[in-house]
C-alpha atoms as a PDB file:
ATOM      1  CA  MET A   1       0.205  -0.194   0.004  1.00  0.00           C
ATOM      2  CA  GLY A   2       3.149   2.248   0.695  1.00  0.00           C
ATOM      3  CA  LYS A   3       4.371   1.769  -2.879  1.00  0.00           C
ATOM      4  CA  PHE A   4       1.196   2.585  -4.254  1.00  0.00           C
ATOM      5  CA  PHE A   5       0.694   5.933  -2.822  1.00  0.00           C
ATOM      6  CA  SER A   6       4.481   6.589  -3.138  1.00  0.00           C
ATOM      7  CA  LEU A   7       5.339   9.807  -4.937  1.00  0.00           C
ATOM      8  CA  ASP A   8       6.864   8.000  -8.202  1.00  0.00           C
ATOM      9  CA  SER A   9       3.747   5.409  -8.274  1.00  0.00           C
ATOM     10  CA  PRO A  10       1.924   5.556 -11.632  1.00  0.00           C
ATOM     11  CA  VAL A  11      -1.098   6.390  -9.151  1.00  0.00           C
ATOM     12  CA  MET A  12       0.164   9.287  -7.844  1.00  0.00           C
ATOM     13  CA  SER A  13       2.014  10.600 -10.923  1.00  0.00           C
ATOM     14  CA  PHE A  14      -1.473  10.219 -12.754  1.00  0.00           C
ATOM     15  CA  LEU A  15      -2.844  12.388  -9.789  1.00  0.00           C
ATOM     16  CA  ASN A  16      -0.162  14.715 -10.248  1.00  0.00           C
ATOM     17  CA  LYS A  17      -0.910  15.001 -14.127  1.00  0.00           C
ATOM     18  CA  VAL A  18      -4.810  15.794 -13.172  1.00  0.00           C
ATOM     19  CA  ALA A  19      -3.910  18.259 -10.587  1.00  0.00           C
ATOM     20  CA  ASP A  20      -1.682  20.183 -13.086  1.00  0.00           C
ATOM     21  CA  LEU A  21      -4.515  20.083 -15.719  1.00  0.00           C
ATOM     22  CA  MET A  22      -7.049  21.189 -13.500  1.00  0.00           C
ATOM     23  CA  ILE A  23      -4.723  24.491 -12.597  1.00  0.00           C
ATOM     24  CA  LEU A  24      -4.195  24.987 -16.138  1.00  0.00           C
ATOM     25  CA  ASN A  25      -7.937  24.805 -17.112  1.00  0.00           C
ATOM     26  CA  LEU A  26      -8.867  27.171 -14.428  1.00  0.00           C
ATOM     27  CA  LEU A  27      -5.925  29.697 -15.717  1.00  0.00           C
ATOM     28  CA  TYR A  28      -7.447  29.263 -19.348  1.00  0.00           C
ATOM     29  CA  PHE A  29     -10.841  29.697 -18.333  1.00  0.00           C
ATOM     30  CA  PHE A  30     -10.689  32.739 -15.878  1.00  0.00           C
ATOM     31  CA  CYS A  31      -8.248  34.487 -18.269  1.00  0.00           C
ATOM     32  CA  SER A  32     -10.364  33.875 -21.309  1.00  0.00           C
ATOM     33  CA  LEU A  33     -13.260  35.546 -20.012  1.00  0.00           C
ATOM     34  CA  PRO A  34     -12.426  39.136 -21.551  1.00  0.00           C
ATOM     35  CA  ILE A  35     -12.975  37.106 -24.759  1.00  0.00           C
ATOM     36  CA  ILE A  36     -10.414  39.228 -26.790  1.00  0.00           C
ATOM     37  CA  THR A  37      -7.540  37.397 -24.881  1.00  0.00           C
ATOM     38  CA  ILE A  38      -8.921  33.910 -26.192  1.00  0.00           C
ATOM     39  CA  GLY A  39      -5.942  33.887 -28.850  1.00  0.00           C
ATOM     40  CA  ALA A  40      -3.231  34.744 -26.288  1.00  0.00           C
ATOM     41  CA  THR A  41      -4.809  31.970 -23.535  1.00  0.00           C
ATOM     42  CA  THR A  42      -5.324  29.649 -26.157  1.00  0.00           C
ATOM     43  CA  THR A  43      -1.648  29.875 -27.119  1.00  0.00           C
ATOM     44  CA  ALA A  44      -0.458  29.682 -23.339  1.00  0.00           C
ATOM     45  CA  LEU A  45      -2.708  26.466 -23.288  1.00  0.00           C
ATOM     46  CA  TYR A  46      -0.921  24.630 -25.815  1.00  0.00           C
ATOM     47  CA  TYR A  47       2.369  26.197 -24.772  1.00  0.00           C
ATOM     48  CA  VAL A  48       2.083  24.299 -21.175  1.00  0.00           C
ATOM     49  CA  THR A  49       0.434  21.205 -22.453  1.00  0.00           C
ATOM     50  CA  LEU A  50       3.089  20.693 -25.303  1.00  0.00           C
ATOM     51  CA  LYS A  51       5.986  20.660 -22.586  1.00  0.00           C
ATOM     52  CA  MET A  52       3.743  18.294 -20.073  1.00  0.00           C
ATOM     53  CA  VAL A  53       3.530  15.612 -23.203  1.00  0.00           C
ATOM     54  CA  ARG A  54       7.358  16.178 -23.431  1.00  0.00           C
ATOM     55  CA  ASN A  55       7.631  16.159 -19.546  1.00  0.00           C
ATOM     56  CA  GLU A  56       9.263  19.132 -19.540  1.00  0.00           C
ATOM     57  CA  GLU A  57       6.947  21.730 -17.965  1.00  0.00           C
ATOM     58  CA  SER A  58       7.273  21.816 -13.943  1.00  0.00           C
ATOM     59  CA  TYR A  59       5.569  25.028 -13.261  1.00  0.00           C
ATOM     60  CA  ILE A  60       2.111  25.290 -14.727  1.00  0.00           C
ATOM     61  CA  VAL A  61       1.362  29.054 -13.571  1.00  0.00           C
ATOM     62  CA  LYS A  62       4.835  30.181 -14.615  1.00  0.00           C
ATOM     63  CA  GLY A  63       4.851  28.679 -17.991  1.00  0.00           C
ATOM     64  CA  PHE A  64       1.293  29.809 -18.819  1.00  0.00           C
ATOM     65  CA  PHE A  65       1.931  33.359 -17.963  1.00  0.00           C
ATOM     66  CA  LYS A  66       5.373  33.550 -19.471  1.00  0.00           C
ATOM     67  CA  SER A  67       3.702  32.262 -23.132  1.00  0.00           C
ATOM     68  CA  PHE A  68       0.693  34.670 -22.393  1.00  0.00           C
ATOM     69  CA  LYS A  69       2.915  37.566 -21.800  1.00  0.00           C
ATOM     70  CA  GLN A  70       5.379  36.847 -24.776  1.00  0.00           C
ATOM     71  CA  ASN A  71       2.684  35.880 -27.504  1.00  0.00           C
ATOM     72  CA  PHE A  72      -0.329  38.281 -26.418  1.00  0.00           C
ATOM     73  CA  LYS A  73       0.428  40.483 -29.241  1.00  0.00           C
ATOM     74  CA  GLN A  74       0.528  38.384 -32.228  1.00  0.00           C
ATOM     75  CA  ALA A  75      -2.039  36.133 -30.655  1.00  0.00           C
ATOM     76  CA  THR A  76      -4.442  38.617 -29.852  1.00  0.00           C
ATOM     77  CA  VAL A  77      -4.045  39.928 -33.656  1.00  0.00           C
ATOM     78  CA  MET A  78      -4.782  36.515 -35.080  1.00  0.00           C
ATOM     79  CA  TRP A  79      -7.757  36.030 -32.792  1.00  0.00           C
ATOM     80  CA  ILE A  80      -9.156  39.270 -34.036  1.00  0.00           C
ATOM     81  CA  ILE A  81      -7.971  38.387 -37.769  1.00  0.00           C
ATOM     82  CA  ASP A  82      -9.940  34.704 -37.179  1.00  0.00           C
ATOM     83  CA  LEU A  83     -13.103  36.649 -35.991  1.00  0.00           C
ATOM     84  CA  ILE A  84     -13.213  38.804 -39.064  1.00  0.00           C
ATOM     85  CA  ILE A  85     -12.984  35.872 -41.269  1.00  0.00           C
ATOM     86  CA  LEU A  86     -15.528  33.930 -39.515  1.00  0.00           C
ATOM     87  CA  GLY A  87     -17.910  37.211 -39.760  1.00  0.00           C
ATOM     88  CA  ILE A  88     -17.165  37.497 -43.404  1.00  0.00           C
ATOM     89  CA  PHE A  89     -18.082  33.866 -43.879  1.00  0.00           C
ATOM     90  CA  MET A  90     -21.396  34.130 -41.976  1.00  0.00           C
ATOM     91  CA  ALA A  91     -22.327  37.145 -43.963  1.00  0.00           C
ATOM     92  CA  ASP A  92     -21.585  35.263 -47.257  1.00  0.00           C
ATOM     93  CA  PHE A  93     -23.329  32.074 -46.394  1.00  0.00           C
ATOM     94  CA  ALA A  94     -26.550  34.410 -45.130  1.00  0.00           C
ATOM     95  CA  VAL A  95     -26.302  36.067 -48.646  1.00  0.00           C
ATOM     96  CA  ILE A  96     -25.895  32.626 -50.341  1.00  0.00           C
ATOM     97  CA  THR A  97     -28.599  31.165 -48.734  1.00  0.00           C
ATOM     98  CA  GLY A  98     -31.242  33.776 -49.102  1.00  0.00           C
ATOM     99  CA  LYS A  99     -31.401  35.083 -45.903  1.00  0.00           C
ATOM    100  CA  VAL A 100     -30.579  38.584 -46.780  1.00  0.00           C
ATOM    101  CA  GLY A 101     -33.382  40.490 -48.590  1.00  0.00           C
ATOM    102  CA  GLY A 102     -32.944  41.825 -51.905  1.00  0.00           C
ATOM    103  CA  VAL A 103     -30.138  39.602 -53.137  1.00  0.00           C
ATOM    104  CA  GLU A 104     -30.867  37.296 -56.012  1.00  0.00           C
ATOM    105  CA  PHE A 105     -28.949  35.148 -58.001  1.00  0.00           C
ATOM    106  CA  PRO A 106     -29.000  34.409 -61.817  1.00  0.00           C
ATOM    107  CA  SER A 107     -29.495  30.671 -61.493  1.00  0.00           C
ATOM    108  CA  THR A 108     -29.885  27.791 -58.940  1.00  0.00           C
ATOM    109  CA  THR A 109     -26.851  26.350 -60.257  1.00  0.00           C
ATOM    110  CA  PHE A 110     -24.909  29.522 -59.922  1.00  0.00           C
ATOM    111  CA  SER A 111     -25.715  29.624 -56.188  1.00  0.00           C
ATOM    112  CA  THR A 112     -24.731  25.925 -55.612  1.00  0.00           C
ATOM    113  CA  ILE A 113     -21.398  26.753 -57.100  1.00  0.00           C
ATOM    114  CA  MET A 114     -21.033  29.482 -54.948  1.00  0.00           C
ATOM    115  CA  LYS A 115     -22.072  27.448 -51.887  1.00  0.00           C
ATOM    116  CA  VAL A 116     -19.634  24.805 -52.821  1.00  0.00           C
ATOM    117  CA  LEU A 117     -16.705  27.240 -53.428  1.00  0.00           C
ATOM    118  CA  LEU A 118     -17.585  29.183 -49.945  1.00  0.00           C
ATOM    119  CA  LEU A 119     -17.669  25.787 -48.032  1.00  0.00           C
ATOM    120  CA  SER A 120     -14.460  24.553 -49.417  1.00  0.00           C
ATOM    121  CA  ALA A 121     -12.678  27.658 -48.509  1.00  0.00           C
ATOM    122  CA  ALA A 122     -14.037  27.582 -45.033  1.00  0.00           C
ATOM    123  CA  ILE A 123     -12.849  23.989 -44.405  1.00  0.00           C
ATOM    124  CA  LEU A 124      -9.286  25.011 -45.367  1.00  0.00           C
ATOM    125  CA  ILE A 125      -9.651  28.048 -43.231  1.00  0.00           C
ATOM    126  CA  LEU A 126     -10.754  25.724 -40.376  1.00  0.00           C
ATOM    127  CA  PHE A 127      -7.683  23.523 -41.003  1.00  0.00           C
ATOM    128  CA  THR A 128      -5.472  26.448 -40.843  1.00  0.00           C
ATOM    129  CA  PHE A 129      -7.019  27.664 -37.531  1.00  0.00           C
ATOM    130  CA  THR A 130      -6.655  24.171 -35.896  1.00  0.00           C
ATOM    131  CA  PHE A 131      -2.927  24.414 -36.083  1.00  0.00           C
ATOM    132  CA  SER A 132      -2.382  28.249 -35.891  1.00  0.00           C
ATOM    133  CA  PHE A 133      -2.322  28.383 -32.033  1.00  0.00           C
ATOM    134  CA  PRO A 134      -0.461  25.731 -31.022  1.00  0.00           C
ATOM    135  CA  VAL A 135       1.952  26.383 -33.932  1.00  0.00           C
ATOM    136  CA  LEU A 136       2.446  30.200 -32.332  1.00  0.00           C
ATOM    137  CA  SER A 137       3.000  28.357 -29.154  1.00  0.00           C
ATOM    138  CA  LYS A 138       5.913  26.362 -30.347  1.00  0.00           C
ATOM    139  CA  PHE A 139       7.362  28.292 -33.070  1.00  0.00           C
ATOM    140  CA  ASP A 140       8.710  32.063 -33.325  1.00  0.00           C
ATOM    141  CA  ASN A 141       7.558  33.774 -36.857  1.00  0.00           C
ATOM    142  CA  THR A 142       5.521  36.182 -38.324  1.00  0.00           C
ATOM    143  CA  ILE A 143       1.811  36.266 -38.360  1.00  0.00           C
ATOM    144  CA  LYS A 144       1.784  35.899 -42.193  1.00  0.00           C
ATOM    145  CA  ASN A 145       4.472  32.808 -41.684  1.00  0.00           C
ATOM    146  CA  THR A 146       2.832  31.214 -38.470  1.00  0.00           C
ATOM    147  CA  TYR A 147      -0.947  31.035 -40.828  1.00  0.00           C
ATOM    148  CA  LYS A 148       1.377  29.948 -43.866  1.00  0.00           C
ATOM    149  CA  ASN A 149       2.864  27.202 -41.691  1.00  0.00           C
ATOM    150  CA  SER A 150      -0.089  26.147 -40.032  1.00  0.00           C
ATOM    151  CA  PHE A 151      -2.059  25.498 -43.551  1.00  0.00           C
ATOM    152  CA  ILE A 152       1.012  23.463 -44.833  1.00  0.00           C
ATOM    153  CA  MET A 153       0.973  21.470 -41.518  1.00  0.00           C
ATOM    154  CA  SER A 154      -2.644  20.959 -41.488  1.00  0.00           C
ATOM    155  CA  ILE A 155      -2.471  19.573 -44.939  1.00  0.00           C
ATOM    156  CA  ARG A 156       0.563  17.543 -44.207  1.00  0.00           C
ATOM    157  CA  HIS A 157      -0.704  16.066 -41.033  1.00  0.00           C
ATOM    158  CA  PHE A 158      -4.119  15.751 -42.012  1.00  0.00           C
ATOM    159  CA  PRO A 159      -5.097  12.851 -39.300  1.00  0.00           C
ATOM    160  CA  THR A 160      -4.216  15.140 -36.537  1.00  0.00           C
ATOM    161  CA  THR A 161      -6.153  17.938 -38.178  1.00  0.00           C
ATOM    162  CA  ILE A 162      -9.204  15.946 -38.125  1.00  0.00           C
ATOM    163  CA  VAL A 163      -8.972  14.298 -34.588  1.00  0.00           C
ATOM    164  CA  THR A 164      -8.504  17.879 -33.245  1.00  0.00           C
ATOM    165  CA  ILE A 165     -11.433  19.302 -35.077  1.00  0.00           C
ATOM    166  CA  ILE A 166     -13.569  16.407 -33.920  1.00  0.00           C
ATOM    167  CA  LEU A 167     -12.399  16.705 -30.256  1.00  0.00           C
ATOM    168  CA  TRP A 168     -12.932  20.542 -30.099  1.00  0.00           C
ATOM    169  CA  GLY A 169     -16.270  20.385 -32.112  1.00  0.00           C
ATOM    170  CA  VAL A 170     -17.754  17.644 -29.552  1.00  0.00           C
ATOM    171  CA  CYS A 171     -16.516  19.708 -26.798  1.00  0.00           C
ATOM    172  CA  LEU A 172     -18.343  22.904 -27.914  1.00  0.00           C
ATOM    173  CA  PHE A 173     -21.244  21.054 -29.145  1.00  0.00           C
ATOM    174  CA  LEU A 174     -22.006  19.395 -25.883  1.00  0.00           C
ATOM    175  CA  LEU A 175     -21.610  22.607 -23.710  1.00  0.00           C
ATOM    176  CA  ALA A 176     -24.109  24.087 -26.252  1.00  0.00           C
ATOM    177  CA  VAL A 177     -26.587  21.505 -25.739  1.00  0.00           C
ATOM    178  CA  MET A 178     -25.822  20.412 -22.122  1.00  0.00           C
ATOM    179  CA  PRO A 179     -25.144  23.473 -20.310  1.00  0.00           C
ATOM    180  CA  GLN A 180     -24.792  21.638 -16.882  1.00  0.00           C
ATOM    181  CA  LEU A 181     -21.380  20.352 -18.224  1.00  0.00           C
ATOM    182  CA  LEU A 182     -19.820  24.086 -17.942  1.00  0.00           C
ATOM    183  CA  ILE A 183     -18.598  23.473 -14.104  1.00  0.00           C
ATOM    184  CA  PHE A 184     -16.418  20.209 -15.667  1.00  0.00           C
ATOM    185  CA  ALA A 185     -15.500  22.536 -18.685  1.00  0.00           C
ATOM    186  CA  VAL A 186     -14.494  25.271 -15.961  1.00  0.00           C
ATOM    187  CA  ILE A 187     -12.274  22.598 -13.910  1.00  0.00           C
ATOM    188  CA  LEU A 188     -10.701  20.247 -16.345  1.00  0.00           C
ATOM    189  CA  LEU A 189     -12.241  20.062 -20.066  1.00  0.00           C
ATOM    190  CA  PHE A 190     -10.445  22.575 -22.009  1.00  0.00           C
ATOM    191  CA  SER A 191      -6.889  21.564 -20.593  1.00  0.00           C
ATOM    192  CA  VAL A 192      -7.647  17.806 -20.929  1.00  0.00           C
ATOM    193  CA  ILE A 193      -8.409  18.271 -24.713  1.00  0.00           C
ATOM    194  CA  ALA A 194      -5.612  20.427 -25.444  1.00  0.00           C
ATOM    195  CA  TYR A 195      -3.120  17.824 -23.839  1.00  0.00           C
ATOM    196  CA  ILE A 196      -4.751  14.961 -25.793  1.00  0.00           C
ATOM    197  CA  THR A 197      -4.186  16.769 -29.030  1.00  0.00           C
ATOM    198  CA  SER A 198      -0.567  17.893 -27.735  1.00  0.00           C
ATOM    199  CA  MET A 199       0.248  14.346 -27.879  1.00  0.00           C
ATOM    200  CA  LEU A 200      -0.427  14.573 -31.942  1.00  0.00           C
ATOM    201  CA  PHE A 201       0.931  17.870 -31.953  1.00  0.00           C
ATOM    202  CA  VAL A 202       4.311  16.965 -30.625  1.00  0.00           C
ATOM    203  CA  LYS A 203       4.887  14.245 -33.169  1.00  0.00           C
ATOM    204  CA  ASN A 204       4.011  16.302 -35.949  1.00  0.00           C
ATOM    205  CA  PHE A 205       6.334  19.218 -34.906  1.00  0.00           C
ATOM    206  CA  ASP A 206       9.374  17.295 -34.106  1.00  0.00           C
ATOM    207  CA  LYS A 207       9.570  16.398 -37.785  1.00  0.00           C
ATOM    208  CA  TYR A 208      10.237  20.280 -38.020  1.00  0.00           C
ATOM    209  CA  ILE A 209      13.288  20.328 -35.315  1.00  0.00           C
ATOM    210  CA  SER A 210      16.723  18.899 -36.400  1.00  0.00           C
ATOM    211  CA  THR A 211      17.718  15.791 -34.398  1.00  0.00           C
ATOM    212  CA  GLU A 212      20.849  17.429 -33.345  1.00  0.00           C
ATOM    213  CA  ASP A 213      19.040  20.167 -31.864  1.00  0.00           C
ATOM    214  CA  MET A 214      16.359  18.030 -29.944  1.00  0.00           C
ATOM    215  CA  GLU A 215      19.691  15.907 -28.501  1.00  0.00           C
ATOM    216  CA  ASN A 216      21.292  19.046 -27.281  1.00  0.00           C
ATOM    217  CA  THR A 217      18.472  20.157 -25.260  1.00  0.00           C
ATOM    218  CA  THR A 218      17.321  17.142 -23.713  1.00  0.00           C
ATOM    219  CA  GLY A 219      16.706  17.226 -19.939  1.00  0.00           C
ATOM    220  CA  ILE A 220      16.330  21.377 -20.167  1.00  0.00           C
ATOM    221  CA  ASP A 221      13.060  22.451 -19.054  1.00  0.00           C
ATOM    222  CA  ASP A 222      12.912  26.098 -20.106  1.00  0.00           C
ATOM    223  CA  MET A 223      13.515  25.377 -23.931  1.00  0.00           C
ATOM    224  CA  ASP A 224      11.566  26.723 -26.747  1.00  0.00           C
ATOM    225  CA  TRP A 225      11.632  26.052 -30.487  1.00  0.00           C
ATOM    226  CA  HIS A 226      11.100  28.249 -32.924  1.00  0.00           C
ATOM    227  CA  VAL A 227      10.735  28.657 -36.856  1.00  0.00           C
ATOM    228  CA  ASN A 228      12.986  31.057 -38.591  1.00  0.00           C
ATOM    229  CA  LYS A 229      12.931  32.749 -41.784  1.00  0.00           C
ATOM    230  CA  GLU A 230      12.110  30.607 -44.736  1.00  0.00           C
ATOM    231  CA  ASN A 231      15.119  28.370 -45.966  1.00  0.00           C
ATOM    232  CA  GLU A 232      14.500  28.819 -49.770  1.00  0.00           C
ATOM    233  CA  GLU A 233      17.362  26.540 -50.684  1.00  0.00           C
ATOM    234  CA  ASN A 234      15.942  23.236 -48.715  1.00  0.00           C
ATOM    235  CA  SER A 235      12.158  23.874 -48.952  1.00  0.00           C
ATOM    236  CA  GLN A 236       9.377  26.076 -50.243  1.00  0.00           C
ATOM    237  CA  GLU A 237       6.815  24.614 -48.139  1.00  0.00           C
ATOM    238  CA  SER A 238       8.237  25.080 -44.536  1.00  0.00           C
ATOM    239  CA  ASP A 239      10.712  27.203 -42.481  1.00  0.00           C
ATOM    240  CA  THR A 240      14.039  26.326 -40.823  1.00  0.00           C
ATOM    241  CA  VAL A 241      14.491  25.444 -37.330  1.00  0.00           C
ATOM    242  CA  LYS A 242      16.260  26.624 -34.700  1.00  0.00           C
ATOM    243  CA  SER A 243      16.188  26.639 -30.694  1.00  0.00           C
ATOM    244  CA  GLU A 244      16.188  29.484 -28.213  1.00  0.00           C
ATOM    245  CA  SER A 245      16.837  29.275 -24.340  1.00  0.00           C
END
């Protein structure tokens, strides 16, 4: 029984992980309440969970606010861009589906084509958004290149994209139809989903980090990986990677 509850036992490790996720979830929820900070808090959420998956993060609160502070400007701008794009698509969909009075299309075929094009564009943008904040939390780059890399990664790592969309989609759907789950969302839900998806993101992101750099950072807790400017000589699709302490 003593070994069962020892600090190194699997049970205690699991309970410690749950406690860390609860603390992280509370930070995410209450720091997101101003709404405008959701981009920065989501980036900070993934910053911590990506490190937790690698067993690198020992200080949940410190790590969260470190990322929140460092990425606040870029993450907030990206969040505003996301909202504007979402608003444009909602307006376009309302027009195409005839919910805006006085707008008529030449034919049903034309309307159908427009719906297909709009849906296709929406799917590709959703793919990009799925990776954008995790990429921002892990790599240092301009907003333009963060979106670009996120799009490329979302296509290249399609299974991760689909799983992430499903998990977050189910989460939001359940909260919408079952408000009683809000207390669970406040305590644990968001950080658990971020942690699960981070397991996939870590495997994807490792492909963009050199083996030499990974070996040089073994055992270092406060090491971040960053994407530099484009390496036009080696690839037109992704950026070169370096590490910073």
